[in-house]
Amino acid sequence: MNKTELIEQVRDKSGLTKAQSVEAVTAVFSSIIDSLGKKEPVQIIGFGTFKVSHRSERMSRNPQTGDKIKIPAREVPVFSAGKMLKASVHLKVPKETPVAKKSTIAAKKSSASSSRKK
């Protein structure tokens, strides 16, 4: 699902107009971004928590040249799923996959090889 599809779903479920839905979704994203910019976590009960995490400086290699390079420390946004979100993902039943049938070629080969052994 992308942002446009999310806006459509908000419109369908809430009864808002498309313009109001765009405004609502944009406001939610903007609020999350503003809070993370201040390094404040955003906790949405049942959904999850957005927070800023510190990544330490580390050494790596340039894949093209093989030279060692230093990757500087930085702050990155992190999302942790809440209990209800995790539960809703785990409750979904996987699509039924058809049971593989035995290959007739393999069956013919095994019966042919067993008849030779007799």
N, C-alpha and C. Protein backbone atom coordinates (compact mmCIF):
# COMPACT_ATOMS: atom_id res chain seq x y z
N MET A 1 0.85 -1.17 0.00
CA MET A 1 0.00 0.00 0.00
C MET A 1 0.90 1.24 0.00
N ASN A 2 0.58 2.17 -0.83
CA ASN A 2 1.33 3.43 -0.86
C ASN A 2 0.48 4.54 -0.25
N LYS A 3 1.01 5.76 -0.24
CA LYS A 3 0.31 6.88 0.41
C LYS A 3 -1.04 7.16 -0.23
N THR A 4 -1.10 7.11 -1.56
CA THR A 4 -2.37 7.36 -2.26
C THR A 4 -3.42 6.33 -1.88
N GLU A 5 -3.03 5.07 -1.81
CA GLU A 5 -3.96 4.01 -1.42
C GLU A 5 -4.39 4.17 0.03
N LEU A 6 -3.47 4.61 0.89
CA LEU A 6 -3.82 4.86 2.29
C LEU A 6 -4.85 5.98 2.39
N ILE A 7 -4.65 7.03 1.63
CA ILE A 7 -5.61 8.15 1.63
C ILE A 7 -6.98 7.68 1.17
N GLU A 8 -7.03 6.85 0.13
CA GLU A 8 -8.31 6.31 -0.36
C GLU A 8 -8.98 5.46 0.71
N GLN A 9 -8.20 4.66 1.43
CA GLN A 9 -8.77 3.81 2.45
C GLN A 9 -9.31 4.64 3.62
N VAL A 10 -8.57 5.69 3.99
CA VAL A 10 -9.05 6.58 5.04
C VAL A 10 -10.36 7.24 4.61
N ARG A 11 -10.42 7.67 3.36
CA ARG A 11 -11.64 8.29 2.83
C ARG A 11 -12.81 7.30 2.90
N ASP A 12 -12.58 6.07 2.46
CA ASP A 12 -13.66 5.07 2.43
C ASP A 12 -14.14 4.70 3.83
N LYS A 13 -13.22 4.57 4.78
CA LYS A 13 -13.59 4.12 6.12
C LYS A 13 -14.13 5.25 7.00
N SER A 14 -13.74 6.49 6.72
CA SER A 14 -14.13 7.59 7.60
C SER A 14 -15.29 8.42 7.07
N GLY A 15 -15.53 8.36 5.77
CA GLY A 15 -16.58 9.19 5.19
C GLY A 15 -16.12 10.61 4.90
N LEU A 16 -14.82 10.86 5.06
CA LEU A 16 -14.27 12.19 4.75
C LEU A 16 -14.17 12.35 3.24
N THR A 17 -14.06 13.59 2.81
CA THR A 17 -13.81 13.83 1.38
C THR A 17 -12.35 13.49 1.09
N LYS A 18 -12.02 13.42 -0.20
CA LYS A 18 -10.64 13.11 -0.56
C LYS A 18 -9.69 14.19 -0.03
N ALA A 19 -10.07 15.45 -0.15
CA ALA A 19 -9.23 16.55 0.33
C ALA A 19 -9.02 16.47 1.84
N GLN A 20 -10.08 16.14 2.57
CA GLN A 20 -9.97 16.01 4.03
C GLN A 20 -9.10 14.81 4.40
N SER A 21 -9.21 13.73 3.63
CA SER A 21 -8.39 12.54 3.88
C SER A 21 -6.92 12.84 3.63
N VAL A 22 -6.63 13.56 2.56
CA VAL A 22 -5.24 13.95 2.26
C VAL A 22 -4.70 14.78 3.41
N GLU A 23 -5.51 15.73 3.88
CA GLU A 23 -5.10 16.60 4.97
C GLU A 23 -4.86 15.81 6.26
N ALA A 24 -5.73 14.84 6.56
CA ALA A 24 -5.60 14.04 7.77
C ALA A 24 -4.34 13.18 7.74
N VAL A 25 -4.12 12.48 6.64
CA VAL A 25 -2.94 11.60 6.51
C VAL A 25 -1.67 12.43 6.55
N THR A 26 -1.66 13.55 5.85
CA THR A 26 -0.49 14.43 5.83
C THR A 26 -0.21 14.98 7.23
N ALA A 27 -1.26 15.32 7.97
CA ALA A 27 -1.10 15.84 9.33
C ALA A 27 -0.50 14.78 10.26
N VAL A 28 -0.94 13.54 10.12
CA VAL A 28 -0.40 12.45 10.95
C VAL A 28 1.09 12.27 10.65
N PHE A 29 1.44 12.17 9.37
CA PHE A 29 2.84 11.99 9.01
C PHE A 29 3.68 13.17 9.47
N SER A 30 3.17 14.37 9.29
CA SER A 30 3.88 15.58 9.68
C SER A 30 4.12 15.61 11.19
N SER A 31 3.13 15.21 11.96
CA SER A 31 3.25 15.18 13.42
C SER A 31 4.31 14.18 13.86
N ILE A 32 4.33 13.02 13.23
CA ILE A 32 5.34 12.00 13.56
C ILE A 32 6.73 12.53 13.22
N ILE A 33 6.88 13.12 12.04
CA ILE A 33 8.18 13.66 11.61
C ILE A 33 8.65 14.77 12.55
N ASP A 34 7.74 15.67 12.94
CA ASP A 34 8.10 16.76 13.85
C ASP A 34 8.58 16.23 15.20
N SER A 35 7.87 15.25 15.74
CA SER A 35 8.26 14.68 17.03
C SER A 35 9.60 13.97 16.95
N LEU A 36 9.81 13.20 15.89
CA LEU A 36 11.09 12.52 15.73
C LEU A 36 12.22 13.52 15.53
N GLY A 37 11.93 14.64 14.87
CA GLY A 37 12.93 15.69 14.70
C GLY A 37 13.38 16.27 16.03
N LYS A 38 12.49 16.25 17.03
CA LYS A 38 12.82 16.71 18.38
C LYS A 38 13.34 15.55 19.23
N LYS A 39 13.53 14.39 18.61
CA LYS A 39 13.99 13.16 19.27
C LYS A 39 13.01 12.67 20.34
N GLU A 40 11.73 12.97 20.14
CA GLU A 40 10.67 12.50 21.02
C GLU A 40 10.02 11.27 20.41
N PRO A 41 9.83 10.19 21.20
CA PRO A 41 9.16 9.01 20.65
C PRO A 41 7.68 9.28 20.43
N VAL A 42 7.10 8.57 19.48
CA VAL A 42 5.66 8.66 19.19
C VAL A 42 5.09 7.27 19.42
N GLN A 43 4.28 7.13 20.47
CA GLN A 43 3.71 5.84 20.82
C GLN A 43 2.22 5.84 20.50
N ILE A 44 1.82 4.90 19.64
CA ILE A 44 0.42 4.75 19.28
C ILE A 44 -0.01 3.39 19.82
N ILE A 45 -0.78 3.41 20.90
CA ILE A 45 -1.16 2.18 21.59
C ILE A 45 -1.83 1.22 20.61
N GLY A 46 -1.37 -0.03 20.61
CA GLY A 46 -1.93 -1.05 19.74
C GLY A 46 -1.31 -1.09 18.36
N PHE A 47 -0.64 -0.01 17.97
CA PHE A 47 -0.01 0.03 16.65
C PHE A 47 1.49 -0.11 16.75
N GLY A 48 2.13 0.79 17.50
CA GLY A 48 3.57 0.70 17.65
C GLY A 48 4.18 2.01 18.09
N THR A 49 5.52 2.02 18.11
CA THR A 49 6.27 3.19 18.56
C THR A 49 7.30 3.58 17.52
N PHE A 50 7.30 4.86 17.20
CA PHE A 50 8.34 5.44 16.36
C PHE A 50 9.32 6.13 17.30
N LYS A 51 10.62 5.92 17.12
CA LYS A 51 11.59 6.62 17.94
C LYS A 51 12.89 6.81 17.16
N VAL A 52 13.77 7.62 17.72
CA VAL A 52 15.06 7.89 17.09
C VAL A 52 16.10 7.03 17.80
N SER A 53 16.92 6.35 17.02
CA SER A 53 17.96 5.50 17.57
C SER A 53 19.32 5.99 17.09
N HIS A 54 20.33 5.86 17.94
CA HIS A 54 21.68 6.29 17.60
C HIS A 54 22.45 5.12 17.00
N ARG A 55 23.08 5.34 15.87
CA ARG A 55 23.97 4.34 15.27
C ARG A 55 25.40 4.85 15.44
N SER A 56 26.24 4.02 16.01
CA SER A 56 27.63 4.41 16.26
C SER A 56 28.43 4.44 14.97
N GLU A 57 29.56 5.14 15.04
CA GLU A 57 30.49 5.18 13.92
C GLU A 57 31.03 3.76 13.71
N ARG A 58 31.29 3.40 12.45
CA ARG A 58 31.82 2.06 12.18
C ARG A 58 32.67 2.08 10.92
N MET A 59 33.45 1.05 10.77
CA MET A 59 34.29 0.89 9.59
C MET A 59 33.59 -0.07 8.63
N SER A 60 33.74 0.20 7.34
CA SER A 60 33.17 -0.65 6.31
C SER A 60 34.11 -0.66 5.12
N ARG A 61 33.70 -1.29 4.04
CA ARG A 61 34.51 -1.35 2.83
C ARG A 61 33.71 -0.84 1.64
N ASN A 62 34.41 -0.14 0.76
CA ASN A 62 33.82 0.28 -0.50
C ASN A 62 33.73 -0.97 -1.37
N PRO A 63 32.54 -1.39 -1.80
CA PRO A 63 32.42 -2.64 -2.57
C PRO A 63 33.11 -2.59 -3.93
N GLN A 64 33.30 -1.40 -4.50
CA GLN A 64 33.94 -1.31 -5.82
C GLN A 64 35.45 -1.36 -5.72
N THR A 65 36.01 -0.67 -4.72
CA THR A 65 37.47 -0.58 -4.63
C THR A 65 38.06 -1.46 -3.55
N GLY A 66 37.25 -1.84 -2.55
CA GLY A 66 37.75 -2.64 -1.44
C GLY A 66 38.41 -1.79 -0.36
N ASP A 67 38.48 -0.46 -0.56
CA ASP A 67 39.09 0.43 0.42
C ASP A 67 38.24 0.50 1.68
N LYS A 68 38.93 0.63 2.84
CA LYS A 68 38.21 0.82 4.09
C LYS A 68 37.70 2.24 4.15
N ILE A 69 36.45 2.38 4.60
CA ILE A 69 35.87 3.71 4.77
C ILE A 69 35.21 3.80 6.15
N LYS A 70 35.17 5.00 6.67
CA LYS A 70 34.56 5.24 7.98
C LYS A 70 33.15 5.76 7.76
N ILE A 71 32.18 5.06 8.34
CA ILE A 71 30.79 5.51 8.26
C ILE A 71 30.51 6.27 9.56
N PRO A 72 30.16 7.55 9.47
CA PRO A 72 29.98 8.36 10.68
C PRO A 72 28.75 7.95 11.49
N ALA A 73 28.79 8.32 12.77
CA ALA A 73 27.64 8.08 13.64
C ALA A 73 26.47 8.91 13.14
N ARG A 74 25.27 8.41 13.38
CA ARG A 74 24.09 9.15 12.94
C ARG A 74 22.86 8.71 13.71
N GLU A 75 21.82 9.49 13.59
CA GLU A 75 20.53 9.20 14.20
C GLU A 75 19.61 8.68 13.11
N VAL A 76 18.87 7.59 13.40
CA VAL A 76 17.96 7.02 12.40
C VAL A 76 16.59 6.78 13.03
N PRO A 77 15.52 6.91 12.25
CA PRO A 77 14.19 6.59 12.77
C PRO A 77 14.00 5.07 12.84
N VAL A 78 13.33 4.62 13.90
CA VAL A 78 13.09 3.20 14.11
C VAL A 78 11.61 3.02 14.47
N PHE A 79 11.02 1.93 13.98
CA PHE A 79 9.63 1.61 14.32
C PHE A 79 9.59 0.25 15.00
N SER A 80 8.90 0.17 16.14
CA SER A 80 8.68 -1.10 16.83
C SER A 80 7.19 -1.38 16.81
N ALA A 81 6.80 -2.52 16.27
CA ALA A 81 5.38 -2.87 16.18
C ALA A 81 4.81 -3.17 17.56
N GLY A 82 3.58 -2.74 17.79
CA GLY A 82 2.89 -3.01 19.05
C GLY A 82 2.26 -4.39 19.06
N LYS A 83 1.75 -4.78 20.22
CA LYS A 83 1.18 -6.12 20.39
C LYS A 83 0.03 -6.40 19.43
N MET A 84 -0.90 -5.45 19.29
CA MET A 84 -2.06 -5.68 18.43
C MET A 84 -1.65 -5.81 16.97
N LEU A 85 -0.69 -5.00 16.54
CA LEU A 85 -0.21 -5.08 15.16
C LEU A 85 0.46 -6.42 14.91
N LYS A 86 1.31 -6.84 15.85
CA LYS A 86 1.98 -8.14 15.71
C LYS A 86 0.96 -9.27 15.67
N ALA A 87 -0.04 -9.18 16.55
CA ALA A 87 -1.06 -10.23 16.61
C ALA A 87 -1.86 -10.29 15.32
N SER A 88 -2.19 -9.15 14.75
CA SER A 88 -2.98 -9.15 13.52
C SER A 88 -2.20 -9.75 12.36
N VAL A 89 -0.90 -9.57 12.37
CA VAL A 89 -0.07 -10.15 11.31
C VAL A 89 0.04 -11.66 11.49
N HIS A 90 0.17 -12.10 12.73
CA HIS A 90 0.34 -13.53 12.99
C HIS A 90 -0.95 -14.32 12.89
N LEU A 91 -2.11 -13.65 12.98
CA LEU A 91 -3.38 -14.36 12.89
C LEU A 91 -3.77 -14.72 11.46
N LYS A 92 -3.16 -14.05 10.51
CA LYS A 92 -3.52 -14.32 9.12
C LYS A 92 -3.10 -15.73 8.74
N VAL A 93 -4.02 -16.45 8.14
CA VAL A 93 -3.76 -17.81 7.71
C VAL A 93 -3.09 -17.74 6.34
N PRO A 94 -1.96 -18.44 6.18
CA PRO A 94 -1.32 -18.40 4.86
C PRO A 94 -2.20 -19.04 3.81
N LYS A 95 -2.04 -18.57 2.58
CA LYS A 95 -2.82 -19.13 1.49
C LYS A 95 -2.48 -20.61 1.35
N GLU A 96 -3.52 -21.38 1.03
CA GLU A 96 -3.30 -22.80 0.85
C GLU A 96 -2.48 -23.04 -0.39
N THR A 97 -1.44 -23.83 -0.22
CA THR A 97 -0.63 -24.18 -1.38
C THR A 97 -1.01 -25.58 -1.80
N PRO A 98 -1.10 -25.82 -3.08
CA PRO A 98 -1.47 -27.16 -3.52
C PRO A 98 -0.41 -28.17 -3.12
N VAL A 99 -0.88 -29.34 -2.75
CA VAL A 99 0.03 -30.41 -2.37
C VAL A 99 0.71 -30.92 -3.63
N ALA A 100 2.01 -31.07 -3.56
CA ALA A 100 2.76 -31.54 -4.72
C ALA A 100 2.40 -32.99 -5.00
N LYS A 101 2.13 -33.28 -6.24
CA LYS A 101 1.83 -34.65 -6.64
C LYS A 101 3.13 -35.34 -7.00
N LYS A 102 3.16 -36.63 -6.79
CA LYS A 102 4.35 -37.38 -7.18
C LYS A 102 4.47 -37.35 -8.69
N SER A 103 5.66 -37.19 -9.10
CA SER A 103 5.91 -37.16 -10.53
C SER A 103 5.75 -38.57 -11.09
N THR A 104 5.05 -38.69 -12.22
CA THR A 104 4.87 -40.00 -12.84
C THR A 104 6.19 -40.49 -13.41
N ILE A 105 7.07 -39.57 -13.80
CA ILE A 105 8.38 -39.96 -14.32
C ILE A 105 9.19 -40.62 -13.22
N ALA A 106 9.17 -40.03 -12.03
CA ALA A 106 9.92 -40.60 -10.91
C ALA A 106 9.35 -41.96 -10.53
N ALA A 107 8.02 -42.09 -10.58
CA ALA A 107 7.39 -43.37 -10.24
C ALA A 107 7.75 -44.42 -11.27
N LYS A 108 7.77 -44.05 -12.56
CA LYS A 108 8.12 -45.00 -13.60
C LYS A 108 9.58 -45.43 -13.46
N LYS A 109 10.47 -44.48 -13.16
CA LYS A 109 11.88 -44.81 -13.00
C LYS A 109 12.10 -45.75 -11.84
N SER A 110 11.42 -45.48 -10.71
CA SER A 110 11.62 -46.32 -9.54
C SER A 110 11.05 -47.72 -9.77
N SER A 111 9.95 -47.84 -10.48
CA SER A 111 9.38 -49.16 -10.75
C SER A 111 10.23 -49.89 -11.79
N ALA A 112 10.80 -49.15 -12.73
CA ALA A 112 11.65 -49.77 -13.74
C ALA A 112 12.95 -50.25 -13.11
N SER A 113 13.51 -49.48 -12.20
CA SER A 113 14.77 -49.88 -11.58
C SER A 113 14.54 -51.04 -10.62
N SER A 114 13.38 -51.10 -9.97
CA SER A 114 13.10 -52.21 -9.06
C SER A 114 12.83 -53.49 -9.84
N SER A 115 12.29 -53.38 -11.06
CA SER A 115 12.04 -54.58 -11.85
C SER A 115 13.36 -55.13 -12.40
N ARG A 116 14.34 -54.28 -12.61
CA ARG A 116 15.64 -54.74 -13.08
C ARG A 116 16.39 -55.48 -11.99
N LYS A 117 16.18 -55.10 -10.75
CA LYS A 117 16.90 -55.71 -9.64
C LYS A 117 16.44 -57.13 -9.38
N LYS A 118 15.27 -57.51 -9.84
CA LYS A 118 14.71 -58.83 -9.55
C LYS A 118 15.38 -59.92 -10.30
